[in-house]
Amino acid sequence: MKFQIDAVSGKARACTIETAHSTIQTPVFMPVGTVGSVKALDMEDMEELDAKIILANTYHMYLRPGDKTVAQMGGLHKFTTFKKSFLTDSGGFQAFSLSDISKADKNGIEFRSHIDGSKHYFTPEKVIDIQLNLGSDIMMILDDLVALPATQERIATSIERTTQWAKQSIEYFRKKQNEGIGTDQNIFAIIQGGTDNAFRTKSATELCELDYDGFAIGGLSVGEANEEMYATVEHTVQYMPEKKPRYLMGVGTPEDLIENIDRGIDMFDCVMPTRNARNATLFTSFGKINIKGAKFKLDEKPVDPECSCHTCKRYSRAYLNHLYRSKELSYFRLASIHNLHYYLNLMREARAAILENRFADFKRKFYAKRQK
């Protein structure tokens, strides 16, 4: 991986990340392709949207179709035909979100498949082996994520496990690379610590001493208030290396992205644009709209008059309202295209503002348009 900082505006950064499969300009939003597919879209749609990197889910790909199957099919890129970059998560979040069928201990995470109830056990090394099979450009290591609020004791345990697993992971991964395996892949560690500054300092300090290609902030957007999240990010970023990518996992709304770019974050992912699209919520330059509303039944305007996506160039709000109310499957594709275009274009506009050292003004105008 090659990484360079192209410009800064305040704390906001415009960077370039080069992987074996694409050149990624930050700030960047990564569409979520849980099972190697962004819901309702195909890879031609992703190419039209000009997505340079998407996220696939290690836990789900391991269970179905199986990482060994993906490897036999030539890895994620050949299997899915997506020619740009993939980031794969570690399974730690799934252990958190499926906590009723999973249990973490000092050595890893035991869980039962949500598909057939079969029992599985993820260790730091096994998670890397799975991602080596998947062939992702950026792999995330196994971490111990906790819901908030949590006790001090539970957060302390999370940090201890996450650091220990990080040491095991980087040693194992570099060993594999020395054997000629995964030489074009990269690995990121995940900082934990809840919303406690002391815990975040400890986790970031311990992890950032290790030989990782980039670092993520995990364990946020899991129940805490937005202002707590922003304050935690602002505190944590100061302990992260300046010359490596900074990734905030699982976040979030357009406002969350702008606020955290302003605090020095480079990379984001979230299911929000596609999930909200399927549930009738569409993002626009002036805020959100609920397209199922009766007021759109005869509305000839595009979803967002300022948007240049396929959906807005061709279809009206009235037509999308009709498709949604008719439960027509094409609605999911058209709405998802629009929402992802909005997110990706927002990142492009933010980058342009950083390059021209006017991000503070860009942020002010972003909010002003939403208040009209």
Protein backbone atom coordinates (compact mmCIF):
# COMPACT_ATOMS: atom_id res chain seq x y z
CA MET A 1 0.00 0.00 0.00
CA LYS A 2 1.15 3.51 -0.82
CA PHE A 3 -0.23 6.40 1.23
CA GLN A 4 0.26 10.11 0.88
CA ILE A 5 -1.35 13.25 2.29
CA ASP A 6 -2.31 15.56 -0.57
CA ALA A 7 -3.66 18.48 1.46
CA VAL A 8 -5.06 19.47 4.85
CA SER A 9 -7.69 22.03 5.78
CA GLY A 10 -7.82 22.45 9.53
CA LYS A 11 -7.69 18.83 10.67
CA ALA A 12 -9.49 17.53 7.55
CA ARG A 13 -7.26 15.53 5.21
CA ALA A 14 -7.27 14.72 1.50
CA CYS A 15 -5.12 11.64 0.97
CA THR A 16 -4.35 9.05 -1.69
CA ILE A 17 -4.22 5.31 -0.96
CA GLU A 18 -2.88 2.96 -3.61
CA THR A 19 -3.63 -0.75 -3.35
CA ALA A 20 -2.98 -3.53 -5.84
CA HIS A 21 -6.40 -2.90 -7.41
CA SER A 22 -7.21 0.81 -7.23
CA THR A 23 -6.18 4.32 -6.36
CA ILE A 24 -8.44 5.59 -3.59
CA GLN A 25 -8.79 9.30 -2.94
CA THR A 26 -9.93 10.27 0.52
CA PRO A 27 -12.13 11.14 2.26
CA VAL A 28 -13.76 7.92 1.04
CA PHE A 29 -17.03 6.17 1.79
CA MET A 30 -17.02 2.41 1.24
CA PRO A 31 -20.37 0.88 0.20
CA VAL A 32 -21.14 -2.26 2.20
CA GLY A 33 -21.29 -5.47 0.17
CA THR A 34 -22.01 -7.90 2.99
CA VAL A 35 -21.91 -11.14 1.00
CA GLY A 36 -19.79 -9.84 -1.85
CA SER A 37 -22.72 -7.87 -3.22
CA VAL A 38 -24.08 -4.41 -2.42
CA LYS A 39 -27.77 -5.07 -1.83
CA ALA A 40 -30.00 -4.49 -4.89
CA LEU A 41 -27.01 -3.53 -7.08
CA ASP A 42 -24.54 -5.35 -9.31
CA MET A 43 -20.91 -4.60 -10.05
CA GLU A 44 -21.77 -2.65 -13.19
CA ASP A 45 -23.75 -0.31 -10.95
CA MET A 46 -20.72 0.03 -8.68
CA GLU A 47 -18.57 0.89 -11.69
CA GLU A 48 -21.09 3.51 -12.82
CA LEU A 49 -21.03 4.96 -9.31
CA ASP A 50 -17.22 5.02 -9.57
CA ALA A 51 -16.73 3.25 -6.25
CA LYS A 52 -13.01 2.59 -5.76
CA ILE A 53 -13.42 0.31 -2.73
CA ILE A 54 -16.25 -1.68 -1.17
CA LEU A 55 -16.52 -3.65 2.06
CA ALA A 56 -17.29 -7.37 2.28
CA ASN A 57 -18.15 -9.21 5.47
CA THR A 58 -15.68 -11.85 6.65
CA TYR A 59 -18.18 -13.58 8.95
CA HIS A 60 -20.86 -13.91 6.27
CA MET A 61 -18.47 -14.86 3.45
CA TYR A 62 -16.92 -17.51 5.70
CA LEU A 63 -20.32 -19.09 6.34
CA ARG A 64 -21.64 -18.74 2.79
CA PRO A 65 -20.32 -19.54 0.22
CA GLY A 66 -17.18 -20.25 2.32
CA ASP A 67 -13.78 -18.60 2.06
CA LYS A 68 -12.26 -21.70 0.50
CA THR A 69 -14.91 -21.60 -2.24
CA VAL A 70 -14.08 -17.94 -2.88
CA ALA A 71 -10.38 -18.83 -3.05
CA GLN A 72 -11.07 -21.59 -5.57
CA MET A 73 -13.01 -19.05 -7.65
CA GLY A 74 -9.99 -16.75 -7.75
CA GLY A 75 -10.69 -14.56 -4.71
CA LEU A 76 -13.24 -11.80 -4.22
CA HIS A 77 -12.17 -9.78 -7.25
CA LYS A 78 -12.56 -12.59 -9.77
CA PHE A 79 -15.58 -14.14 -8.03
CA THR A 80 -17.55 -10.88 -7.93
CA THR A 81 -15.96 -9.30 -11.05
CA PHE A 82 -15.35 -6.08 -9.07
CA LYS A 83 -11.96 -4.91 -10.30
CA LYS A 84 -11.32 -2.24 -7.66
CA SER A 85 -10.42 -2.70 -3.99
CA PHE A 86 -12.09 -4.75 -1.27
CA LEU A 87 -11.85 -4.20 2.47
CA THR A 88 -12.95 -7.14 4.62
CA ASP A 89 -13.89 -6.82 8.26
CA SER A 90 -12.90 -9.36 10.88
CA GLY A 91 -16.10 -10.80 12.31
CA GLY A 92 -15.74 -8.93 15.60
CA PHE A 93 -18.77 -6.76 14.92
CA GLN A 94 -20.89 -9.81 14.04
CA ALA A 95 -19.94 -11.38 17.37
CA PHE A 96 -21.18 -8.17 18.97
CA SER A 97 -24.38 -7.85 16.92
CA LEU A 98 -25.20 -11.56 17.25
CA SER A 99 -24.27 -11.68 20.93
CA ASP A 100 -27.13 -14.05 21.74
CA ILE A 101 -25.37 -16.77 19.69
CA SER A 102 -21.73 -15.86 20.36
CA LYS A 103 -19.28 -15.69 23.25
CA ALA A 104 -15.81 -14.15 23.45
CA ASP A 105 -12.98 -15.46 25.63
CA LYS A 106 -9.28 -14.62 25.87
CA ASN A 107 -8.40 -16.75 22.84
CA GLY A 108 -11.13 -15.77 20.39
CA ILE A 109 -14.87 -15.78 19.71
CA GLU A 110 -17.15 -18.81 19.66
CA PHE A 111 -20.40 -18.43 17.76
CA ARG A 112 -23.20 -20.39 16.18
CA SER A 113 -24.08 -19.86 12.56
CA HIS A 114 -27.24 -17.82 12.08
CA ILE A 115 -27.87 -20.02 9.02
CA ASP A 116 -27.83 -23.55 10.41
CA GLY A 117 -26.81 -23.29 14.08
CA SER A 118 -23.42 -24.96 13.52
CA LYS A 119 -20.68 -24.02 16.00
CA HIS A 120 -17.56 -22.10 14.94
CA TYR A 121 -14.59 -20.47 16.64
CA PHE A 122 -12.69 -17.42 15.38
CA THR A 123 -9.13 -16.87 16.56
CA PRO A 124 -6.94 -13.97 15.40
CA GLU A 125 -5.02 -16.34 13.14
CA LYS A 126 -8.11 -18.01 11.68
CA VAL A 127 -9.63 -14.65 10.77
CA ILE A 128 -6.47 -13.77 8.83
CA ASP A 129 -6.49 -17.16 7.06
CA ILE A 130 -10.08 -16.51 5.97
CA GLN A 131 -9.20 -13.08 4.63
CA LEU A 132 -6.12 -14.42 2.86
CA ASN A 133 -8.48 -16.79 1.07
CA LEU A 134 -10.85 -13.94 0.25
CA GLY A 135 -7.94 -11.94 -1.19
CA SER A 136 -9.08 -8.54 0.06
CA ASP A 137 -6.85 -5.51 -0.37
CA ILE A 138 -7.33 -4.42 3.26
CA MET A 139 -8.10 -6.87 6.04
CA MET A 140 -9.24 -6.01 9.55
CA ILE A 141 -8.03 -7.98 12.55
CA LEU A 142 -10.19 -9.67 15.17
CA ASP A 143 -11.16 -7.29 17.97
CA ASP A 144 -13.33 -7.49 21.08
CA LEU A 145 -16.17 -5.02 20.62
CA VAL A 146 -18.53 -4.11 23.48
CA ALA A 147 -21.91 -2.38 23.51
CA LEU A 148 -22.24 0.98 25.22
CA PRO A 149 -22.77 1.74 27.99
CA ALA A 150 -20.41 -0.86 29.48
CA THR A 151 -18.65 -1.32 32.81
CA GLN A 152 -15.07 -0.15 33.23
CA GLU A 153 -14.08 -3.76 33.85
CA ARG A 154 -15.62 -4.94 30.56
CA ILE A 155 -13.95 -2.15 28.56
CA ALA A 156 -10.60 -2.92 30.18
CA THR A 157 -11.01 -6.58 29.20
CA SER A 158 -11.88 -5.53 25.65
CA ILE A 159 -8.69 -3.49 25.35
CA GLU A 160 -6.54 -6.23 26.81
CA ARG A 161 -7.95 -8.82 24.40
CA THR A 162 -7.82 -6.49 21.40
CA THR A 163 -4.16 -5.63 22.01
CA GLN A 164 -3.17 -9.26 22.55
CA TRP A 165 -5.04 -10.36 19.43
CA ALA A 166 -3.41 -7.51 17.49
CA LYS A 167 0.06 -8.73 18.48
CA GLN A 168 -0.82 -12.27 17.41
CA SER A 169 -2.39 -11.03 14.17
CA ILE A 170 0.49 -8.89 12.95
CA GLU A 171 3.07 -11.55 13.79
CA TYR A 172 1.06 -14.21 11.96
CA PHE A 173 0.31 -12.00 8.94
CA ARG A 174 3.91 -10.85 8.45
CA LYS A 175 5.01 -14.48 8.75
CA LYS A 176 2.59 -15.40 5.96
CA GLN A 177 3.87 -12.56 3.80
CA ASN A 178 7.44 -13.76 4.34
CA GLU A 179 6.25 -17.10 2.98
CA GLY A 180 4.94 -15.34 -0.14
CA ILE A 181 1.27 -15.39 0.92
CA GLY A 182 -0.83 -12.21 0.93
CA THR A 183 2.03 -10.05 -0.33
CA ASP A 184 -0.36 -7.61 -2.04
CA GLN A 185 -2.72 -7.45 0.95
CA ASN A 186 -2.70 -4.93 3.81
CA ILE A 187 -3.78 -5.11 7.43
CA PHE A 188 -5.41 -2.61 9.81
CA ALA A 189 -5.77 -2.76 13.60
CA ILE A 190 -8.88 -1.56 15.47
CA ILE A 191 -8.73 0.81 18.45
CA GLN A 192 -11.28 0.16 21.20
CA GLY A 193 -12.10 1.81 24.53
CA GLY A 194 -15.71 2.94 24.57
CA THR A 195 -16.12 6.69 25.13
CA ASP A 196 -13.54 6.82 27.93
CA ASN A 197 -10.56 8.98 26.96
CA ALA A 198 -8.12 7.11 29.17
CA PHE A 199 -9.12 3.76 27.67
CA ARG A 200 -8.93 5.14 24.13
CA THR A 201 -5.47 6.56 24.84
CA LYS A 202 -4.29 3.21 26.17
CA SER A 203 -5.70 1.23 23.25
CA ALA A 204 -4.43 3.64 20.58
CA THR A 205 -0.98 3.90 22.14
CA GLU A 206 -0.55 0.13 22.40
CA LEU A 207 -1.82 -0.64 18.90
CA CYS A 208 -0.10 2.20 17.04
CA GLU A 209 3.28 0.91 18.20
CA LEU A 210 2.69 -2.19 16.07
CA ASP A 211 3.58 -2.64 12.39
CA TYR A 212 0.13 -2.10 10.84
CA ASP A 213 -0.61 -0.52 7.47
CA GLY A 214 -3.46 1.56 8.88
CA PHE A 215 -5.61 2.00 11.97
CA ALA A 216 -9.34 2.07 12.59
CA ILE A 217 -11.49 3.42 15.38
CA GLY A 218 -14.04 0.78 16.32
CA GLY A 219 -16.67 0.45 19.01
CA LEU A 220 -18.57 3.65 18.20
CA SER A 221 -22.04 4.27 16.81
CA VAL A 222 -23.20 1.44 19.09
CA GLY A 223 -25.58 3.35 21.32
CA GLU A 224 -23.69 6.43 22.49
CA ALA A 225 -24.82 10.01 21.77
CA ASN A 226 -23.43 11.67 18.65
CA GLU A 227 -21.54 14.29 20.63
CA GLU A 228 -19.87 11.53 22.65
CA MET A 229 -18.81 9.84 19.42
CA TYR A 230 -17.38 13.05 17.98
CA ALA A 231 -15.49 13.84 21.19
CA THR A 232 -14.07 10.31 21.33
CA VAL A 233 -12.89 10.48 17.72
CA GLU A 234 -11.30 13.89 18.29
CA HIS A 235 -9.44 12.57 21.32
CA THR A 236 -8.33 9.32 19.67
CA VAL A 237 -7.07 10.74 16.37
CA GLN A 238 -4.21 12.57 18.09
CA TYR A 239 -2.66 9.21 19.03
CA MET A 240 -2.95 7.76 15.49
CA PRO A 241 -0.03 7.96 13.04
CA GLU A 242 -0.24 10.96 10.75
CA LYS A 243 1.19 9.08 7.76
CA LYS A 244 -1.16 6.11 7.78
CA PRO A 245 -4.88 5.84 6.89
CA ARG A 246 -7.46 6.52 9.60
CA TYR A 247 -10.73 4.58 9.35
CA LEU A 248 -13.89 5.11 11.43
CA MET A 249 -15.91 1.89 11.30
CA GLY A 250 -19.67 1.68 10.85
CA VAL A 251 -20.38 5.43 10.67
CA GLY A 252 -22.86 6.81 9.58
CA THR A 253 -25.16 9.69 8.61
CA PRO A 254 -24.02 12.43 6.20
CA GLU A 255 -23.62 14.67 9.24
CA ASP A 256 -21.46 12.04 10.95
CA LEU A 257 -19.19 11.87 7.92
CA ILE A 258 -18.71 15.64 7.71
CA GLU A 259 -18.09 15.97 11.46
CA ASN A 260 -15.51 13.21 11.48
CA ILE A 261 -13.74 14.35 8.33
CA ASP A 262 -13.38 17.63 10.21
CA ARG A 263 -11.65 15.64 12.97
CA GLY A 264 -9.13 13.97 10.65
CA ILE A 265 -10.80 10.71 9.55
CA ASP A 266 -10.07 9.39 6.04
CA MET A 267 -12.28 6.29 5.57
CA PHE A 268 -15.88 5.36 6.40
CA ASP A 269 -18.39 2.56 5.84
CA CYS A 270 -22.02 2.10 6.81
CA VAL A 271 -25.12 0.22 5.63
CA MET A 272 -27.18 3.39 6.09
CA PRO A 273 -27.43 4.59 2.45
CA THR A 274 -28.63 1.25 1.09
CA ARG A 275 -30.69 0.18 4.12
CA ASN A 276 -32.43 3.54 4.31
CA ALA A 277 -33.05 3.47 0.57
CA ARG A 278 -34.91 0.19 0.91
CA ASN A 279 -37.00 1.74 3.70
CA ALA A 280 -38.03 4.79 1.61
CA THR A 281 -35.55 7.31 3.07
CA LEU A 282 -33.55 9.15 0.43
CA PHE A 283 -30.65 11.52 1.13
CA THR A 284 -30.43 14.85 -0.65
CA SER A 285 -28.35 18.01 -0.59
CA PHE A 286 -31.10 19.64 1.48
CA GLY A 287 -31.69 16.76 3.92
CA LYS A 288 -33.69 13.52 3.95
CA ILE A 289 -37.03 12.81 2.33
CA ASN A 290 -39.41 9.90 2.82
CA ILE A 291 -40.40 9.00 -0.72
CA LYS A 292 -43.47 7.00 0.32
CA GLY A 293 -45.18 10.21 1.47
CA ALA A 294 -48.45 11.13 -0.30
CA LYS A 295 -47.08 14.57 -1.15
CA PHE A 296 -44.78 12.98 -3.74
CA LYS A 297 -47.56 11.23 -5.66
CA LEU A 298 -47.71 13.96 -8.33
CA ASP A 299 -44.23 15.43 -7.87
CA GLU A 300 -42.49 15.67 -11.24
CA LYS A 301 -39.13 16.78 -9.82
CA PRO A 302 -36.17 14.41 -9.42
CA VAL A 303 -35.33 13.23 -5.92
CA ASP A 304 -32.66 15.94 -5.71
CA PRO A 305 -32.53 18.63 -8.43
CA GLU A 306 -28.79 19.03 -7.71
CA CYS A 307 -28.04 15.31 -8.17
CA SER A 308 -26.58 13.83 -11.38
CA CYS A 309 -27.16 10.13 -10.59
CA HIS A 310 -28.92 7.79 -13.03
CA THR A 311 -32.09 7.84 -10.94
CA CYS A 312 -32.35 11.63 -10.74
CA LYS A 313 -31.48 12.16 -14.40
CA ARG A 314 -34.28 9.85 -15.56
CA TYR A 315 -37.04 9.40 -12.98
CA SER A 316 -39.38 11.58 -10.93
CA ARG A 317 -40.25 11.51 -7.27
CA ALA A 318 -43.76 10.52 -8.34
CA TYR A 319 -42.47 7.43 -10.15
CA LEU A 320 -40.31 6.35 -7.20
CA ASN A 321 -43.27 6.91 -4.88
CA HIS A 322 -45.32 4.64 -7.14
CA LEU A 323 -42.62 1.95 -7.30
CA TYR A 324 -42.21 1.91 -3.53
CA ARG A 325 -45.95 1.74 -2.84
CA SER A 326 -46.32 -0.99 -5.47
CA LYS A 327 -43.52 -3.01 -3.84
CA GLU A 328 -41.80 -3.07 -7.23
CA LEU A 329 -38.30 -4.55 -7.01
CA SER A 330 -36.80 -1.95 -9.33
CA TYR A 331 -37.42 0.62 -6.59
CA PHE A 332 -34.65 -0.90 -4.46
CA ARG A 333 -32.08 -0.52 -7.22
CA LEU A 334 -33.02 3.04 -8.18
CA ALA A 335 -33.18 4.23 -4.57
CA SER A 336 -29.88 2.55 -3.67
CA ILE A 337 -28.14 4.06 -6.69
CA HIS A 338 -29.31 7.51 -5.62
CA ASN A 339 -28.30 7.20 -1.96
CA LEU A 340 -24.87 5.77 -2.73
CA HIS A 341 -24.27 8.43 -5.37
CA TYR A 342 -25.14 11.05 -2.78
CA TYR A 343 -22.65 9.61 -0.27
CA LEU A 344 -19.84 9.15 -2.78
CA ASN A 345 -20.36 12.60 -4.27
CA LEU A 346 -20.41 14.16 -0.80
CA MET A 347 -16.94 12.68 -0.26
CA ARG A 348 -15.73 14.05 -3.60
CA GLU A 349 -17.03 17.51 -2.72
CA ALA A 350 -15.40 17.33 0.72
CA ARG A 351 -12.08 16.38 -0.88
CA ALA A 352 -12.27 19.28 -3.31
CA ALA A 353 -12.91 21.65 -0.41
CA ILE A 354 -9.89 20.29 1.49
CA LEU A 355 -7.65 20.61 -1.55
CA GLU A 356 -8.70 24.26 -1.83
CA ASN A 357 -8.35 24.81 1.95
CA ARG A 358 -12.01 25.79 2.37
CA PHE A 359 -13.38 22.85 4.34
CA ALA A 360 -14.70 25.01 7.18
CA ASP A 361 -16.78 26.99 4.67
CA PHE A 362 -17.90 23.77 2.97
CA LYS A 363 -19.09 22.40 6.31
CA ARG A 364 -20.96 25.62 7.11
CA LYS A 365 -22.77 25.56 3.74
CA PHE A 366 -23.53 21.84 4.13
CA TYR A 367 -25.51 22.57 7.30
CA ALA A 368 -27.03 25.82 6.02
CA LYS A 369 -28.65 24.05 3.05
CA ARG A 370 -30.21 21.47 5.36
CA GLN A 371 -31.88 24.11 7.51
CA LYS A 372 -33.84 25.80 4.71
